[in-house]
Structures are given as structure tokens and as C-alpha cells.
């Protein structure tokens, strides 16, 4: 046999990027922290809904929390009153809760960080989360967010995957985010996790800005598909697929009732089809994020 047979350099084949989760010795488990935060980082609540879906799917159990009094302005992020199953009224305080679940038929454990973006002491807050990560033997961190963007609801929702870890970026053939400007707690946690030596990637879904209200099942589903790829575990999302289809049909109906919206959607569709990209690059997501920030500033009184 020719000694060069099958050599990618000679055949012209490009090797596939490596996976996020690297092989480990038999019997050892891999622990991944998945984090999403309601608020500024969570257009349409797609990111937090995606993690809630997985937490319920895999039967996550609460293993920790972050003290709300230390980090929240309750006049800005107000507590809410709800009725319990017994009919009693109970106050629910803004908080960050930590759950642990084992992915069925795999060697992967997942630590879910679910909460509201804090008001105060972000450095102390992220440091506290990393203390939990160390205690729970976290090996990787996946941060999940969603932003408003000029994308059509009728096309696949773009999800960017980026990392500021040079070694991880090269190994997985990822991009570094080109965004410069204000950041939310997701961006801060990404930097702190990398400084702690944890391989960290960030996922951002682009939510159509003209249907920004929650829920956003199509964006949620797009994030779940990307998480499925990163963890290399199959997900049962059939019920969410049906919700996504119903959501898209509903937006179609609303668009047809407003000629201006219908024309705008067609413009976005044409731009998307011309670009013919399966998902937005990190640079284009950054541009959409800048548009979102400008739009958010205009909406403020």
C-alpha cells in the first residue's frame, strides 16, 4: 500500500473539527456546566427556556443556590407572589439556582445554572459560581444567550458558537467573538471561567426582533440542537418542534395582517437567502448585537 494513502494532506480531505468533550478513561464521568440568565442576555427567554427544558427532561435535582440578598436590587428585579398547590400565597424571590442531572445512556453529568442577571457585585457573583463549579468537578462550561436581531422568523434561527480560548478555538475550528461594547453577565462569566482554566464556549441565538416577546420556541429549539451537537447526546424535542411550527404559523398569520410587516419580512428573507448561510458567523452576530443595543437604547424612555 502507498504510504501516503489516506493522508489528508495528500488526498485533499479536510479533517473534521474535534468535539468539545474529549474522551476520558472508562468509568470516569464528564461534567459540563450549562448557564443561562434571564434578563438582558435572554431575548424571548429562549436561553433560559432551553435550560429549563433540559433540566426537566433529564430530571435535574437542586444542589445549590446563590443568596439573592447579596446580588439583586428588588426594586428593579421584583419578587412575585404566586399561589402554591395548596392555595397559599407565597413570595418568589429572584435567585440563581443550581441543579445537577445525569444524561441518560452517557458518561455526561450536567450542572444547570439558572437565574436572573444580578444587579450588584458581578465579580463576586461569578466567583461564587466558580466555587460551585469547582466543588461539583466541572470540566467544561457552555454559556447560553439570545439576542434580538434582523433575521426572518421563517428561516432557520442562527446560533453562533464562539470562544476566547485560543487552544479550544483551534481544536474545534471556532471563531472568536468580534463584538466590542457593553456586556451582560454571560460575557463576564465567560472571561472568569477561562481565567479559572475551564474550557468555555458561548452560544447565542438570534431572535427576530419583531417577535421579541416570550416564548420563542424556534430559537429555543435552535439552541437545543447546538447543545445536542456539543454534548454528543440525543435529545427528544418532538413536542418543542410542534410548538415551534405552531409559533411560526402564528407569526405568518400576524404578518399577513400588516402589509408593512409582511414587506419587511420578505426583505429579511431575501437578504438571508442571498447570503445563503446555514448560521450566522460570530462577526455577523456581533453586528446584530450592536443593532440590538441601539434599538434598546431608542426604546428607553
C-alpha atoms as a PDB file:
ATOM      1  CA  UNK A   1       0.000   0.000   0.000  1.00  0.00           C
ATOM      2  CA  UNK A   2       1.201   3.504  -0.776  1.00  0.00           C
ATOM      3  CA  UNK A   3       2.450   5.039   2.458  1.00  0.00           C
ATOM      4  CA  UNK A   4       0.536   8.242   1.714  1.00  0.00           C
ATOM      5  CA  UNK A   5      -2.824   6.560   1.092  1.00  0.00           C
ATOM      6  CA  UNK A   6      -5.493   8.101   3.282  1.00  0.00           C
ATOM      7  CA  UNK A   7      -3.248  11.009   4.345  1.00  0.00           C
ATOM      8  CA  UNK A   8      -5.463  14.122   4.439  1.00  0.00           C
ATOM      9  CA  UNK A   9      -2.565  16.259   3.234  1.00  0.00           C
ATOM     10  CA  UNK A  10      -2.268  14.115   0.089  1.00  0.00           C
ATOM     11  CA  UNK A  11      -5.933  13.317  -0.574  1.00  0.00           C
ATOM     12  CA  UNK A  12      -7.169  16.850  -0.038  1.00  0.00           C
ATOM     13  CA  UNK A  13      -9.614  15.740   2.676  1.00  0.00           C
ATOM     14  CA  UNK A  14     -10.053  18.236   5.478  1.00  0.00           C
ATOM     15  CA  UNK A  15     -10.226  16.613   8.916  1.00  0.00           C
ATOM     16  CA  UNK A  16     -13.378  17.344  10.882  1.00  0.00           C
ATOM     17  CA  UNK A  17     -13.061  19.678  13.867  1.00  0.00           C
ATOM     18  CA  UNK A  18     -12.666  17.912  17.179  1.00  0.00           C
ATOM     19  CA  UNK A  19     -15.518  17.670  19.630  1.00  0.00           C
ATOM     20  CA  UNK A  20     -15.824  19.825  22.718  1.00  0.00           C
ATOM     21  CA  UNK A  21     -15.908  16.841  25.077  1.00  0.00           C
ATOM     22  CA  UNK A  22     -12.680  14.884  24.862  1.00  0.00           C
ATOM     23  CA  UNK A  23     -12.505  11.116  25.557  1.00  0.00           C
ATOM     24  CA  UNK A  24     -11.885  10.115  29.164  1.00  0.00           C
ATOM     25  CA  UNK A  25     -10.841   6.790  30.741  1.00  0.00           C
ATOM     26  CA  UNK A  26     -13.582   4.194  31.113  1.00  0.00           C
ATOM     27  CA  UNK A  27     -15.541   4.697  34.304  1.00  0.00           C
ATOM     28  CA  UNK A  28     -14.864   8.419  34.537  1.00  0.00           C
ATOM     29  CA  UNK A  29     -17.680  10.920  34.037  1.00  0.00           C
ATOM     30  CA  UNK A  30     -17.543  14.312  32.326  1.00  0.00           C
ATOM     31  CA  UNK A  31     -19.224  17.276  33.998  1.00  0.00           C
ATOM     32  CA  UNK A  32     -20.478  20.218  31.942  1.00  0.00           C
ATOM     33  CA  UNK A  33     -21.863  23.453  33.374  1.00  0.00           C
ATOM     34  CA  UNK A  34     -24.702  24.950  31.307  1.00  0.00           C
ATOM     35  CA  UNK A  35     -25.607  28.504  32.327  1.00  0.00           C
ATOM     36  CA  UNK A  36     -28.283  30.964  31.177  1.00  0.00           C
ATOM     37  CA  UNK A  37     -29.654  34.110  32.805  1.00  0.00           C
ATOM     38  CA  UNK A  38     -32.996  35.824  32.424  1.00  0.00           C
ATOM     39  CA  UNK A  39     -32.933  39.492  31.509  1.00  0.00           C
ATOM     40  CA  UNK A  40     -30.555  41.386  29.251  1.00  0.00           C
ATOM     41  CA  UNK A  41     -28.887  38.248  27.857  1.00  0.00           C
ATOM     42  CA  UNK A  42     -32.108  36.385  27.080  1.00  0.00           C
ATOM     43  CA  UNK A  43     -34.227  37.673  24.185  1.00  0.00           C
ATOM     44  CA  UNK A  44     -37.569  35.898  24.068  1.00  0.00           C
ATOM     45  CA  UNK A  45     -36.380  33.914  27.112  1.00  0.00           C
ATOM     46  CA  UNK A  46     -35.010  31.414  24.589  1.00  0.00           C
ATOM     47  CA  UNK A  47     -31.825  30.664  26.536  1.00  0.00           C
ATOM     48  CA  UNK A  48     -33.388  30.181  29.958  1.00  0.00           C
ATOM     49  CA  UNK A  49     -36.274  28.197  28.452  1.00  0.00           C
ATOM     50  CA  UNK A  50     -33.782  25.892  26.695  1.00  0.00           C
ATOM     51  CA  UNK A  51     -32.082  25.084  30.002  1.00  0.00           C
ATOM     52  CA  UNK A  52     -35.391  24.634  31.801  1.00  0.00           C
ATOM     53  CA  UNK A  53     -36.393  22.166  29.086  1.00  0.00           C
ATOM     54  CA  UNK A  54     -33.218  20.121  29.542  1.00  0.00           C
ATOM     55  CA  UNK A  55     -33.391  20.271  33.320  1.00  0.00           C
ATOM     56  CA  UNK A  56     -36.915  18.853  33.241  1.00  0.00           C
ATOM     57  CA  UNK A  57     -36.052  16.315  30.515  1.00  0.00           C
ATOM     58  CA  UNK A  58     -33.131  14.893  32.498  1.00  0.00           C
ATOM     59  CA  UNK A  59     -34.686  15.205  35.954  1.00  0.00           C
ATOM     60  CA  UNK A  60     -32.262  17.703  37.468  1.00  0.00           C
ATOM     61  CA  UNK A  61     -32.036  17.929  41.247  1.00  0.00           C
ATOM     62  CA  UNK A  62     -31.221  21.157  43.094  1.00  0.00           C
ATOM     63  CA  UNK A  63     -27.712  21.082  44.553  1.00  0.00           C
ATOM     64  CA  UNK A  64     -27.080  24.732  45.393  1.00  0.00           C
ATOM     65  CA  UNK A  65     -28.126  28.364  45.123  1.00  0.00           C
ATOM     66  CA  UNK A  66     -26.759  31.884  45.326  1.00  0.00           C
ATOM     67  CA  UNK A  67     -28.041  34.207  48.074  1.00  0.00           C
ATOM     68  CA  UNK A  68     -30.412  36.692  46.443  1.00  0.00           C
ATOM     69  CA  UNK A  69     -29.949  39.473  49.029  1.00  0.00           C
ATOM     70  CA  UNK A  70     -26.297  39.882  48.092  1.00  0.00           C
ATOM     71  CA  UNK A  71     -26.754  40.494  44.377  1.00  0.00           C
ATOM     72  CA  UNK A  72     -30.225  41.781  43.451  1.00  0.00           C
ATOM     73  CA  UNK A  73     -31.961  45.158  43.511  1.00  0.00           C
ATOM     74  CA  UNK A  74     -35.501  44.116  44.342  1.00  0.00           C
ATOM     75  CA  UNK A  75     -36.923  47.432  43.082  1.00  0.00           C
ATOM     76  CA  UNK A  76     -35.509  46.565  39.653  1.00  0.00           C
ATOM     77  CA  UNK A  77     -35.960  42.779  39.707  1.00  0.00           C
ATOM     78  CA  UNK A  78     -39.028  42.500  41.869  1.00  0.00           C
ATOM     79  CA  UNK A  79     -40.156  39.402  43.749  1.00  0.00           C
ATOM     80  CA  UNK A  80     -43.504  37.958  42.685  1.00  0.00           C
ATOM     81  CA  UNK A  81     -46.406  36.435  44.592  1.00  0.00           C
ATOM     82  CA  UNK A  82     -47.708  33.060  43.499  1.00  0.00           C
ATOM     83  CA  UNK A  83     -50.164  30.557  44.874  1.00  0.00           C
ATOM     84  CA  UNK A  84     -48.930  27.152  45.927  1.00  0.00           C
ATOM     85  CA  UNK A  85     -50.709  23.900  45.085  1.00  0.00           C
ATOM     86  CA  UNK A  86     -52.485  24.181  48.445  1.00  0.00           C
ATOM     87  CA  UNK A  87     -53.768  27.665  47.553  1.00  0.00           C
ATOM     88  CA  UNK A  88     -51.457  29.620  49.854  1.00  0.00           C
ATOM     89  CA  UNK A  89     -49.806  32.797  48.620  1.00  0.00           C
ATOM     90  CA  UNK A  90     -46.019  32.694  48.582  1.00  0.00           C
ATOM     91  CA  UNK A  91     -43.373  35.217  47.545  1.00  0.00           C
ATOM     92  CA  UNK A  92     -40.882  34.024  44.940  1.00  0.00           C
ATOM     93  CA  UNK A  93     -37.592  35.910  45.164  1.00  0.00           C
ATOM     94  CA  UNK A  94     -35.202  36.488  42.250  1.00  0.00           C
ATOM     95  CA  UNK A  95     -32.429  33.959  42.648  1.00  0.00           C
ATOM     96  CA  UNK A  96     -29.840  31.764  40.996  1.00  0.00           C
ATOM     97  CA  UNK A  97     -30.372  28.055  41.445  1.00  0.00           C
ATOM     98  CA  UNK A  98     -28.001  25.234  40.593  1.00  0.00           C
ATOM     99  CA  UNK A  99     -29.190  21.785  39.514  1.00  0.00           C
ATOM    100  CA  UNK A 100     -27.412  18.566  38.620  1.00  0.00           C
ATOM    101  CA  UNK A 101     -28.582  15.914  36.176  1.00  0.00           C
ATOM    102  CA  UNK A 102     -27.071  12.829  34.588  1.00  0.00           C
ATOM    103  CA  UNK A 103     -27.644  12.466  30.850  1.00  0.00           C
ATOM    104  CA  UNK A 104     -29.194   9.013  30.210  1.00  0.00           C
ATOM    105  CA  UNK A 105     -27.029   6.422  28.464  1.00  0.00           C
ATOM    106  CA  UNK A 106     -23.893   8.565  28.606  1.00  0.00           C
ATOM    107  CA  UNK A 107     -20.966   9.451  30.857  1.00  0.00           C
ATOM    108  CA  UNK A 108     -22.020  13.120  30.977  1.00  0.00           C
ATOM    109  CA  UNK A 109     -23.304  14.978  34.027  1.00  0.00           C
ATOM    110  CA  UNK A 110     -24.749  18.465  33.586  1.00  0.00           C
ATOM    111  CA  UNK A 111     -24.755  21.312  36.090  1.00  0.00           C
ATOM    112  CA  UNK A 112     -27.510  23.795  35.289  1.00  0.00           C
ATOM    113  CA  UNK A 113     -27.106  27.401  36.428  1.00  0.00           C
ATOM    114  CA  UNK A 114     -30.462  29.141  36.089  1.00  0.00           C
ATOM    115  CA  UNK A 115     -31.224  32.598  37.388  1.00  0.00           C
ATOM    116  CA  UNK A 116     -31.781  36.268  36.752  1.00  0.00           C
ATOM    117  CA  UNK A 117     -28.911  38.536  35.801  1.00  0.00           C
ATOM    118  CA  UNK A 118     -27.725  40.105  39.094  1.00  0.00           C
ATOM    119  CA  UNK A 119     -27.811  43.827  39.863  1.00  0.00           C
ATOM    120  CA  UNK A 120     -24.683  44.074  42.029  1.00  0.00           C
ATOM    121  CA  UNK A 121     -21.202  42.648  42.631  1.00  0.00           C
ATOM    122  CA  UNK A 122     -20.768  40.785  39.361  1.00  0.00           C
ATOM    123  CA  UNK A 123     -17.179  39.802  40.139  1.00  0.00           C
ATOM    124  CA  UNK A 124     -18.156  38.341  43.495  1.00  0.00           C
ATOM    125  CA  UNK A 125     -21.191  36.676  41.923  1.00  0.00           C
ATOM    126  CA  UNK A 126     -19.192  34.952  39.173  1.00  0.00           C
ATOM    127  CA  UNK A 127     -16.501  33.972  41.669  1.00  0.00           C
ATOM    128  CA  UNK A 128     -19.197  32.299  43.782  1.00  0.00           C
ATOM    129  CA  UNK A 129     -20.451  30.390  40.750  1.00  0.00           C
ATOM    130  CA  UNK A 130     -16.921  29.147  40.088  1.00  0.00           C
ATOM    131  CA  UNK A 131     -16.648  27.937  43.677  1.00  0.00           C
ATOM    132  CA  UNK A 132     -19.723  25.806  42.972  1.00  0.00           C
ATOM    133  CA  UNK A 133     -18.150  24.680  39.685  1.00  0.00           C
ATOM    134  CA  UNK A 134     -15.013  23.527  41.465  1.00  0.00           C
ATOM    135  CA  UNK A 135     -16.966  21.714  44.175  1.00  0.00           C
ATOM    136  CA  UNK A 136     -19.036  19.936  41.513  1.00  0.00           C
ATOM    137  CA  UNK A 137     -15.922  18.995  39.479  1.00  0.00           C
ATOM    138  CA  UNK A 138     -16.957  20.883  36.341  1.00  0.00           C
ATOM    139  CA  UNK A 139     -14.794  20.110  33.287  1.00  0.00           C
ATOM    140  CA  UNK A 140     -16.393  22.384  30.670  1.00  0.00           C
ATOM    141  CA  UNK A 141     -18.628  25.465  30.619  1.00  0.00           C
ATOM    142  CA  UNK A 142     -21.284  26.235  27.994  1.00  0.00           C
ATOM    143  CA  UNK A 143     -22.877  29.682  28.283  1.00  0.00           C
ATOM    144  CA  UNK A 144     -26.201  30.229  26.541  1.00  0.00           C
ATOM    145  CA  UNK A 145     -27.726  33.532  25.471  1.00  0.00           C
ATOM    146  CA  UNK A 146     -30.154  35.059  22.989  1.00  0.00           C
ATOM    147  CA  UNK A 147     -30.258  38.483  21.355  1.00  0.00           C
ATOM    148  CA  UNK A 148     -32.645  40.418  19.150  1.00  0.00           C
ATOM    149  CA  UNK A 149     -31.575  40.587  15.508  1.00  0.00           C
ATOM    150  CA  UNK A 150     -32.719  41.489  11.999  1.00  0.00           C
ATOM    151  CA  UNK A 151     -33.471  37.898  10.987  1.00  0.00           C
ATOM    152  CA  UNK A 152     -36.653  36.408   9.498  1.00  0.00           C
ATOM    153  CA  UNK A 153     -38.795  34.095  11.602  1.00  0.00           C
ATOM    154  CA  UNK A 154     -39.394  31.856   8.569  1.00  0.00           C
ATOM    155  CA  UNK A 155     -35.774  30.760   8.180  1.00  0.00           C
ATOM    156  CA  UNK A 156     -33.522  28.682  10.474  1.00  0.00           C
ATOM    157  CA  UNK A 157     -32.614  30.635  13.598  1.00  0.00           C
ATOM    158  CA  UNK A 158     -28.883  31.493  13.535  1.00  0.00           C
ATOM    159  CA  UNK A 159     -26.858  30.270  16.512  1.00  0.00           C
ATOM    160  CA  UNK A 160     -23.255  31.409  16.847  1.00  0.00           C
ATOM    161  CA  UNK A 161     -20.676  29.380  18.769  1.00  0.00           C
ATOM    162  CA  UNK A 162     -17.566  31.205  19.904  1.00  0.00           C
ATOM    163  CA  UNK A 163     -14.752  31.009  22.429  1.00  0.00           C
ATOM    164  CA  UNK A 164     -11.913  33.238  23.589  1.00  0.00           C
ATOM    165  CA  UNK A 165      -9.785  30.183  24.416  1.00  0.00           C
ATOM    166  CA  UNK A 166      -7.142  30.021  21.619  1.00  0.00           C
ATOM    167  CA  UNK A 167      -6.477  26.286  22.055  1.00  0.00           C
ATOM    168  CA  UNK A 168     -10.184  25.410  22.073  1.00  0.00           C
ATOM    169  CA  UNK A 169     -10.833  27.710  19.130  1.00  0.00           C
ATOM    170  CA  UNK A 170      -8.191  25.971  17.035  1.00  0.00           C
ATOM    171  CA  UNK A 171      -9.192  22.481  18.101  1.00  0.00           C
ATOM    172  CA  UNK A 172     -12.888  22.986  17.325  1.00  0.00           C
ATOM    173  CA  UNK A 173     -12.446  25.386  14.399  1.00  0.00           C
ATOM    174  CA  UNK A 174     -14.480  28.077  16.167  1.00  0.00           C
ATOM    175  CA  UNK A 175     -14.420  31.842  15.881  1.00  0.00           C
ATOM    176  CA  UNK A 176     -13.531  34.416  18.482  1.00  0.00           C
ATOM    177  CA  UNK A 177     -16.299  36.926  19.099  1.00  0.00           C
ATOM    178  CA  UNK A 178     -15.555  40.255  17.395  1.00  0.00           C
ATOM    179  CA  UNK A 179     -18.097  42.146  19.493  1.00  0.00           C
ATOM    180  CA  UNK A 180     -16.964  45.219  21.411  1.00  0.00           C
ATOM    181  CA  UNK A 181     -19.299  47.115  23.699  1.00  0.00           C
ATOM    182  CA  UNK A 182     -21.479  46.579  26.775  1.00  0.00           C
ATOM    183  CA  UNK A 183     -21.783  43.004  28.002  1.00  0.00           C
ATOM    184  CA  UNK A 184     -24.097  41.088  30.257  1.00  0.00           C
ATOM    185  CA  UNK A 185     -23.347  38.572  32.967  1.00  0.00           C
ATOM    186  CA  UNK A 186     -22.819  35.868  30.312  1.00  0.00           C
ATOM    187  CA  UNK A 187     -19.824  37.749  28.924  1.00  0.00           C
ATOM    188  CA  UNK A 188     -18.353  38.317  32.368  1.00  0.00           C
ATOM    189  CA  UNK A 189     -18.771  34.670  33.374  1.00  0.00           C
ATOM    190  CA  UNK A 190     -17.121  33.585  30.101  1.00  0.00           C
ATOM    191  CA  UNK A 191     -13.977  35.567  30.912  1.00  0.00           C
ATOM    192  CA  UNK A 192     -13.843  34.487  34.555  1.00  0.00           C
ATOM    193  CA  UNK A 193     -14.328  30.800  33.659  1.00  0.00           C
ATOM    194  CA  UNK A 194     -11.486  30.956  31.146  1.00  0.00           C
ATOM    195  CA  UNK A 195      -9.234  32.647  33.710  1.00  0.00           C
ATOM    196  CA  UNK A 196     -10.041  29.722  36.011  1.00  0.00           C
ATOM    197  CA  UNK A 197      -8.793  27.316  33.342  1.00  0.00           C
ATOM    198  CA  UNK A 198     -12.184  25.928  32.321  1.00  0.00           C
ATOM    199  CA  UNK A 199     -12.720  25.307  28.575  1.00  0.00           C
ATOM    200  CA  UNK A 200     -15.629  27.644  27.818  1.00  0.00           C
ATOM    201  CA  UNK A 201     -17.824  28.230  24.773  1.00  0.00           C
ATOM    202  CA  UNK A 202     -20.676  30.696  24.291  1.00  0.00           C
ATOM    203  CA  UNK A 203     -23.849  30.104  22.276  1.00  0.00           C
ATOM    204  CA  UNK A 204     -26.019  32.981  21.055  1.00  0.00           C
ATOM    205  CA  UNK A 205     -29.322  32.598  19.239  1.00  0.00           C
ATOM    206  CA  UNK A 206     -30.563  35.448  17.052  1.00  0.00           C
ATOM    207  CA  UNK A 207     -34.252  36.105  17.807  1.00  0.00           C
ATOM    208  CA  UNK A 208     -36.336  38.058  15.240  1.00  0.00           C
ATOM    209  CA  UNK A 209     -36.739  41.476  16.831  1.00  0.00           C
ATOM    210  CA  UNK A 210     -40.304  41.970  15.551  1.00  0.00           C
ATOM    211  CA  UNK A 211     -41.465  38.955  17.597  1.00  0.00           C
ATOM    212  CA  UNK A 212     -39.334  39.549  20.669  1.00  0.00           C
ATOM    213  CA  UNK A 213     -41.880  38.545  23.291  1.00  0.00           C
ATOM    214  CA  UNK A 214     -41.537  35.238  25.124  1.00  0.00           C
ATOM    215  CA  UNK A 215     -41.769  32.416  24.472  1.00  0.00           C
ATOM    216  CA  UNK A 216     -39.580  31.948  21.418  1.00  0.00           C
ATOM    217  CA  UNK A 217     -39.713  28.180  20.825  1.00  0.00           C
ATOM    218  CA  UNK A 218     -37.949  28.251  17.460  1.00  0.00           C
ATOM    219  CA  UNK A 219     -34.890  29.982  18.960  1.00  0.00           C
ATOM    220  CA  UNK A 220     -35.083  27.673  21.970  1.00  0.00           C
ATOM    221  CA  UNK A 221     -35.070  24.657  19.650  1.00  0.00           C
ATOM    222  CA  UNK A 222     -32.088  26.009  17.692  1.00  0.00           C
ATOM    223  CA  UNK A 223     -30.109  26.350  20.921  1.00  0.00           C
ATOM    224  CA  UNK A 224     -31.054  22.825  21.987  1.00  0.00           C
ATOM    225  CA  UNK A 225     -29.847  21.424  18.668  1.00  0.00           C
ATOM    226  CA  UNK A 226     -26.478  23.125  19.150  1.00  0.00           C
ATOM    227  CA  UNK A 227     -26.205  21.863  22.732  1.00  0.00           C
ATOM    228  CA  UNK A 228     -27.054  18.392  21.431  1.00  0.00           C
ATOM    229  CA  UNK A 229     -24.115  18.639  18.996  1.00  0.00           C
ATOM    230  CA  UNK A 230     -21.693  19.873  21.643  1.00  0.00           C
ATOM    231  CA  UNK A 231     -22.617  17.226  24.207  1.00  0.00           C
ATOM    232  CA  UNK A 232     -22.960  14.475  21.582  1.00  0.00           C
ATOM    233  CA  UNK A 233     -26.161  13.209  23.195  1.00  0.00           C
ATOM    234  CA  UNK A 234     -29.559  12.717  21.505  1.00  0.00           C
ATOM    235  CA  UNK A 235     -32.422  14.951  22.652  1.00  0.00           C
ATOM    236  CA  UNK A 236     -36.136  14.249  22.500  1.00  0.00           C
ATOM    237  CA  UNK A 237     -37.521  17.584  21.273  1.00  0.00           C
ATOM    238  CA  UNK A 238     -40.578  16.460  19.309  1.00  0.00           C
ATOM    239  CA  UNK A 239     -43.055  18.407  21.441  1.00  0.00           C
ATOM    240  CA  UNK A 240     -40.913  21.532  21.071  1.00  0.00           C
ATOM    241  CA  UNK A 241     -40.768  21.018  17.289  1.00  0.00           C
ATOM    242  CA  UNK A 242     -44.570  21.137  17.257  1.00  0.00           C
ATOM    243  CA  UNK A 243     -44.561  24.313  19.382  1.00  0.00           C
ATOM    244  CA  UNK A 244     -42.001  25.872  17.048  1.00  0.00           C
ATOM    245  CA  UNK A 245     -44.099  25.061  13.974  1.00  0.00           C
ATOM    246  CA  UNK A 246     -47.221  26.496  15.620  1.00  0.00           C
ATOM    247  CA  UNK A 247     -45.286  29.644  16.612  1.00  0.00           C
ATOM    248  CA  UNK A 248     -44.074  30.146  13.036  1.00  0.00           C
ATOM    249  CA  UNK A 249     -47.591  29.696  11.639  1.00  0.00           C
ATOM    250  CA  UNK A 250     -48.890  32.224  14.153  1.00  0.00           C
ATOM    251  CA  UNK A 251     -46.275  34.801  13.156  1.00  0.00           C
ATOM    252  CA  UNK A 252     -47.088  34.143   9.476  1.00  0.00           C
ATOM    253  CA  UNK A 253     -50.722  34.964  10.162  1.00  0.00           C
ATOM    254  CA  UNK A 254     -49.866  38.157  12.039  1.00  0.00           C
ATOM    255  CA  UNK A 255     -47.512  39.265   9.264  1.00  0.00           C
ATOM    256  CA  UNK A 256     -50.160  38.825   6.560  1.00  0.00           C
ATOM    257  CA  UNK A 257     -52.484  41.154   8.500  1.00  0.00           C
ATOM    258  CA  UNK A 258     -49.939  44.009   8.367  1.00  0.00           C
ATOM    259  CA  UNK A 259     -48.633  44.901   4.868  1.00  0.00           C
ATOM    260  CA  UNK A 260     -45.626  46.776   6.278  1.00  0.00           C
ATOM    261  CA  UNK A 261     -44.536  43.845   8.435  1.00  0.00           C
ATOM    262  CA  UNK A 262     -45.123  41.420   5.553  1.00  0.00           C
ATOM    263  CA  UNK A 263     -42.919  43.532   3.250  1.00  0.00           C
ATOM    264  CA  UNK A 264     -40.236  43.781   5.920  1.00  0.00           C
ATOM    265  CA  UNK A 265     -40.238  40.013   6.465  1.00  0.00           C
ATOM    266  CA  UNK A 266     -39.863  39.448   2.713  1.00  0.00           C
ATOM    267  CA  UNK A 267     -36.899  41.822   2.711  1.00  0.00           C
ATOM    268  CA  UNK A 268     -35.254  39.864   5.527  1.00  0.00           C
ATOM    269  CA  UNK A 269     -35.957  36.563   3.756  1.00  0.00           C
ATOM    270  CA  UNK A 270     -34.360  37.808   0.543  1.00  0.00           C
ATOM    271  CA  UNK A 271     -31.279  39.014   2.402  1.00  0.00           C
ATOM    272  CA  UNK A 272     -30.989  35.708   4.236  1.00  0.00           C
ATOM    273  CA  UNK A 273     -31.446  33.630   1.085  1.00  0.00           C
ATOM    274  CA  UNK A 274     -28.909  35.737  -0.808  1.00  0.00           C
ATOM    275  CA  UNK A 275     -26.350  35.298   1.944  1.00  0.00           C
ATOM    276  CA  UNK A 276     -27.185  31.559   1.949  1.00  0.00           C
ATOM    277  CA  UNK A 277     -25.531  30.933   5.302  1.00  0.00           C
ATOM    278  CA  UNK A 278     -26.662  27.983   7.461  1.00  0.00           C
ATOM    279  CA  UNK A 279     -25.863  30.006  10.552  1.00  0.00           C
ATOM    280  CA  UNK A 280     -24.569  33.474  11.274  1.00  0.00           C
ATOM    281  CA  UNK A 281     -20.855  33.975  11.863  1.00  0.00           C
ATOM    282  CA  UNK A 282     -19.594  35.397  15.133  1.00  0.00           C
ATOM    283  CA  UNK A 283     -18.925  38.691  13.376  1.00  0.00           C
ATOM    284  CA  UNK A 284     -22.444  38.985  11.990  1.00  0.00           C
ATOM    285  CA  UNK A 285     -23.931  38.097  15.369  1.00  0.00           C
ATOM    286  CA  UNK A 286     -21.800  40.885  16.850  1.00  0.00           C
ATOM    287  CA  UNK A 287     -23.244  43.300  14.309  1.00  0.00           C
ATOM    288  CA  UNK A 288     -26.760  42.179  15.199  1.00  0.00           C
ATOM    289  CA  UNK A 289     -25.923  42.653  18.873  1.00  0.00           C
ATOM    290  CA  UNK A 290     -24.848  46.233  18.181  1.00  0.00           C
ATOM    291  CA  UNK A 291     -28.123  46.861  16.334  1.00  0.00           C
ATOM    292  CA  UNK A 292     -29.989  45.379  19.299  1.00  0.00           C
ATOM    293  CA  UNK A 293     -28.207  47.692  21.729  1.00  0.00           C
ATOM    294  CA  UNK A 294     -29.001  50.722  19.585  1.00  0.00           C
ATOM    295  CA  UNK A 295     -32.634  49.644  19.293  1.00  0.00           C
ATOM    296  CA  UNK A 296     -32.796  49.004  23.046  1.00  0.00           C
ATOM    297  CA  UNK A 297     -31.451  52.491  23.709  1.00  0.00           C
ATOM    298  CA  UNK A 298     -34.086  54.049  21.478  1.00  0.00           C
ATOM    299  CA  UNK A 299     -36.853  52.137  23.258  1.00  0.00           C
ATOM    300  CA  UNK A 300     -35.882  53.517  26.648  1.00  0.00           C
ATOM    301  CA  UNK A 301     -37.989  56.467  27.852  1.00  0.00           C
END
